[in-house]
N, C-alpha and C. Protein backbone atom coordinates (compact mmCIF):
# COMPACT_ATOMS: atom_id res chain seq x y z
N UNK A 1 -4.84 -14.66 -3.64
CA UNK A 1 -4.22 -13.30 -4.04
C UNK A 1 -2.67 -13.47 -3.65
N UNK A 2 -1.89 -13.03 -4.49
CA UNK A 2 -0.48 -12.94 -4.17
C UNK A 2 -0.22 -11.82 -3.47
N UNK A 3 0.29 -11.84 -2.26
CA UNK A 3 0.48 -10.67 -1.35
C UNK A 3 1.43 -9.64 -1.94
N UNK A 4 2.32 -10.04 -2.84
CA UNK A 4 3.24 -9.06 -3.41
C UNK A 4 2.48 -8.14 -4.33
N UNK A 5 1.33 -8.52 -4.90
CA UNK A 5 0.58 -7.54 -5.73
C UNK A 5 -0.55 -6.94 -5.07
N UNK A 6 -0.85 -7.22 -3.80
CA UNK A 6 -2.07 -6.64 -3.06
C UNK A 6 -1.86 -5.14 -2.88
N UNK A 7 -2.74 -4.46 -3.40
CA UNK A 7 -2.65 -3.02 -3.31
C UNK A 7 -3.15 -2.42 -2.05
N UNK A 8 -3.65 -3.17 -1.17
CA UNK A 8 -4.16 -2.73 0.16
C UNK A 8 -5.01 -1.55 -0.04
N UNK A 9 -5.84 -1.49 -0.97
CA UNK A 9 -6.93 -0.59 -1.28
C UNK A 9 -8.23 -1.23 -1.42
N UNK A 10 -9.27 -0.65 -0.72
CA UNK A 10 -10.51 -1.28 -0.86
C UNK A 10 -10.98 -1.47 -2.25
N UNK A 11 -12.18 -2.52 -2.44
CA UNK A 11 -12.68 -2.70 -3.71
C UNK A 11 -13.40 -1.57 -4.24
N UNK A 12 -13.48 -1.33 -5.56
CA UNK A 12 -14.32 -0.29 -6.19
C UNK A 12 -14.03 1.13 -5.73
N UNK A 13 -12.76 1.40 -5.64
CA UNK A 13 -12.15 2.76 -5.19
C UNK A 13 -11.92 3.66 -6.31
N UNK A 14 -11.63 3.27 -7.40
CA UNK A 14 -11.00 4.27 -8.55
C UNK A 14 -11.91 4.23 -9.74
N UNK A 15 -12.00 5.42 -10.38
CA UNK A 15 -12.61 5.57 -11.55
C UNK A 15 -11.72 5.09 -12.74
N UNK A 16 -10.39 5.33 -12.56
CA UNK A 16 -9.43 4.96 -13.57
C UNK A 16 -8.22 4.25 -12.83
N UNK A 17 -7.62 3.32 -13.59
CA UNK A 17 -6.37 2.61 -13.10
C UNK A 17 -5.50 2.66 -14.38
N UNK A 18 -4.28 3.24 -14.21
CA UNK A 18 -3.36 3.37 -15.42
C UNK A 18 -2.21 2.56 -15.09
N UNK A 19 -1.76 1.65 -16.08
CA UNK A 19 -0.54 0.84 -15.87
C UNK A 19 0.44 1.15 -17.07
N UNK A 20 1.62 1.63 -16.75
CA UNK A 20 2.60 1.90 -17.79
C UNK A 20 3.91 1.11 -17.46
N UNK A 21 4.00 -0.12 -18.05
CA UNK A 21 5.05 -0.81 -17.85
C UNK A 21 5.10 -1.92 -16.83
N UNK A 22 4.31 -1.89 -15.81
CA UNK A 22 4.24 -2.96 -14.92
C UNK A 22 3.93 -4.33 -15.34
N UNK A 23 2.85 -4.35 -16.20
CA UNK A 23 2.48 -5.57 -16.89
C UNK A 23 3.66 -6.13 -17.69
N UNK A 24 4.27 -5.16 -18.39
CA UNK A 24 5.47 -5.69 -19.22
C UNK A 24 6.48 -6.31 -18.44
N UNK A 25 6.85 -5.68 -17.34
CA UNK A 25 7.90 -6.13 -16.40
C UNK A 25 7.45 -7.54 -15.81
N UNK A 26 6.29 -7.57 -15.44
CA UNK A 26 5.87 -8.90 -14.92
C UNK A 26 5.80 -10.08 -15.87
N UNK A 27 5.43 -9.69 -17.03
CA UNK A 27 5.43 -10.71 -18.22
C UNK A 27 6.67 -11.21 -18.63
N UNK A 28 7.85 -10.32 -18.31
CA UNK A 28 9.19 -10.79 -18.61
C UNK A 28 9.66 -11.88 -17.77
N UNK A 29 9.46 -11.90 -16.51
CA UNK A 29 10.04 -12.83 -15.64
C UNK A 29 9.14 -13.63 -14.74
N UNK A 30 7.85 -13.60 -15.01
CA UNK A 30 6.94 -14.39 -14.08
C UNK A 30 5.56 -14.57 -14.84
N UNK A 31 4.67 -15.22 -14.09
CA UNK A 31 3.38 -15.62 -14.75
C UNK A 31 2.34 -14.70 -13.90
N UNK A 32 2.64 -13.56 -13.43
CA UNK A 32 1.83 -12.85 -12.47
C UNK A 32 0.88 -11.80 -13.21
N UNK A 33 1.09 -11.74 -14.64
CA UNK A 33 0.32 -10.76 -15.35
C UNK A 33 -1.21 -10.81 -15.14
N UNK A 34 -1.71 -11.93 -15.13
CA UNK A 34 -3.28 -12.16 -14.88
C UNK A 34 -3.50 -11.68 -13.41
N UNK A 35 -2.67 -12.03 -12.39
CA UNK A 35 -2.93 -11.63 -11.01
C UNK A 35 -2.92 -10.10 -10.91
N UNK A 36 -2.02 -9.47 -11.63
CA UNK A 36 -2.00 -7.97 -11.67
C UNK A 36 -3.25 -7.35 -12.28
N UNK A 37 -3.68 -7.87 -13.47
CA UNK A 37 -4.96 -7.47 -13.97
C UNK A 37 -6.17 -7.65 -12.97
N UNK A 38 -6.28 -8.77 -12.50
CA UNK A 38 -7.36 -8.96 -11.49
C UNK A 38 -7.39 -8.01 -10.28
N UNK A 39 -6.08 -7.71 -9.92
CA UNK A 39 -6.01 -6.86 -8.77
C UNK A 39 -6.40 -5.37 -9.28
N UNK A 40 -5.99 -4.96 -10.45
CA UNK A 40 -6.33 -3.71 -10.92
C UNK A 40 -7.91 -3.57 -11.05
N UNK A 41 -8.44 -4.60 -11.71
CA UNK A 41 -9.92 -4.60 -11.84
C UNK A 41 -10.68 -4.61 -10.43
N UNK A 42 -10.07 -5.17 -9.59
CA UNK A 42 -10.76 -5.28 -8.17
C UNK A 42 -10.93 -3.85 -7.61
N UNK A 43 -9.91 -2.98 -7.79
CA UNK A 43 -9.93 -1.61 -7.18
C UNK A 43 -10.68 -0.62 -8.08
N UNK A 44 -11.07 -0.99 -9.29
CA UNK A 44 -11.98 -0.12 -10.18
C UNK A 44 -13.36 -0.20 -9.83
N UNK A 45 -14.04 1.05 -9.84
CA UNK A 45 -15.38 1.10 -9.76
C UNK A 45 -16.05 0.31 -10.93
N UNK A 46 -17.36 -0.05 -10.78
CA UNK A 46 -18.05 -0.85 -11.58
C UNK A 46 -17.95 -0.27 -13.10
N UNK A 47 -17.95 1.01 -13.25
CA UNK A 47 -18.03 1.65 -14.63
C UNK A 47 -16.71 2.22 -14.97
N UNK A 48 -15.70 1.78 -14.07
CA UNK A 48 -14.10 2.35 -14.23
C UNK A 48 -13.69 1.97 -15.45
N UNK A 49 -12.46 2.64 -15.81
CA UNK A 49 -11.61 2.27 -17.01
C UNK A 49 -10.25 1.85 -16.55
N UNK A 50 -9.71 0.78 -17.22
CA UNK A 50 -8.40 0.28 -16.97
C UNK A 50 -7.67 0.64 -18.25
N UNK A 51 -6.51 1.32 -18.02
CA UNK A 51 -5.77 1.85 -19.08
C UNK A 51 -4.38 1.10 -18.95
N UNK A 52 -3.99 0.39 -19.96
CA UNK A 52 -2.67 -0.29 -20.13
C UNK A 52 -1.81 0.28 -21.14
N UNK A 53 -0.80 0.74 -20.92
CA UNK A 53 0.28 1.18 -21.88
C UNK A 53 1.32 0.19 -21.91
N UNK A 54 1.55 -0.52 -23.01
CA UNK A 54 2.42 -1.67 -23.02
C UNK A 54 3.20 -1.58 -24.34
N UNK A 55 4.54 -2.10 -24.32
CA UNK A 55 5.30 -2.26 -25.36
C UNK A 55 5.00 -3.46 -26.16
N UNK A 56 4.45 -4.48 -25.51
CA UNK A 56 4.12 -5.72 -26.11
C UNK A 56 2.97 -5.76 -27.07
N UNK A 57 2.90 -6.62 -28.05
CA UNK A 57 1.89 -6.59 -29.04
C UNK A 57 0.66 -7.10 -28.39
N UNK A 58 -0.47 -6.66 -29.05
CA UNK A 58 -1.81 -7.23 -28.52
C UNK A 58 -1.81 -8.75 -28.42
N UNK A 59 -1.27 -9.48 -29.37
CA UNK A 59 -1.29 -10.95 -29.39
C UNK A 59 -0.48 -11.49 -28.19
N UNK A 60 0.51 -10.77 -27.70
CA UNK A 60 1.33 -11.23 -26.52
C UNK A 60 0.58 -10.96 -25.20
N UNK A 61 -0.03 -9.89 -25.20
CA UNK A 61 -0.68 -9.37 -24.01
C UNK A 61 -2.16 -9.81 -23.79
N UNK A 62 -2.88 -10.21 -24.79
CA UNK A 62 -4.23 -10.59 -24.68
C UNK A 62 -4.36 -11.89 -23.87
N UNK A 63 -3.30 -12.76 -23.73
CA UNK A 63 -3.34 -13.90 -22.91
C UNK A 63 -3.64 -13.71 -21.35
N UNK A 64 -3.14 -12.46 -20.95
CA UNK A 64 -3.41 -12.23 -19.53
C UNK A 64 -4.78 -11.90 -19.19
N UNK A 65 -5.62 -11.52 -20.23
CA UNK A 65 -7.04 -11.18 -20.07
C UNK A 65 -7.92 -12.34 -20.07
N UNK A 66 -7.50 -13.56 -20.37
CA UNK A 66 -8.27 -14.75 -20.53
C UNK A 66 -8.15 -15.64 -19.15
N UNK A 67 -9.15 -15.99 -18.61
CA UNK A 67 -10.59 -15.82 -18.87
C UNK A 67 -11.16 -14.85 -17.86
N UNK A 68 -10.68 -13.64 -17.86
CA UNK A 68 -11.18 -12.64 -16.85
C UNK A 68 -12.53 -12.10 -17.36
C-alpha cells in the first residue's frame, strides 16, 4: 500500500464511498489510480457502493478497474 493513499480507516467501515475528482487528479500525473480504487474498496462494507464522479470518459477510466 502506498502510504500517501492510506486512509487510516479500518476495513469494511462505510456503506458508501464517494470520489469527486480525486481519481481524475491522480490519473493526470501518476499511476496511482488503481491504488486509490483498491483503498476505497477496502474501506467499503461488503455490500457497499463506490460512487465515482469523473470528467474522464469511461474508456479512459476503466483501465484503473482492471484486474480489481
